[in-house]
Amino acid sequence: MTAITPDKRQRAKALFDAVLQQPPANRASFLAAVCAEDDLRAQVEELLINHEQADSFLRKPFAGTC
């Protein structure tokens, strides 16, 4: 696995922000169209998965007792 350089990390963050501006149904095709680098696209896809998981976690009501 190749180490992620600071430049690639910054580019991934910029792409991630741009992808989030797209409707969820268009995100994958948008990312494929704007990013030809497989490793960069994979990093952005991972960020998107983590973002979606965090978002769904935060939306679930807490069922525990205090």
Foldseek 3Di string as FASTA:
>chain_A
DDDQDPVLVVVLVVLLVVLVVDPPVCSVVVLVVPDPDPVSSVVNVVVVVVVVVVVVVVPDDDPDDD
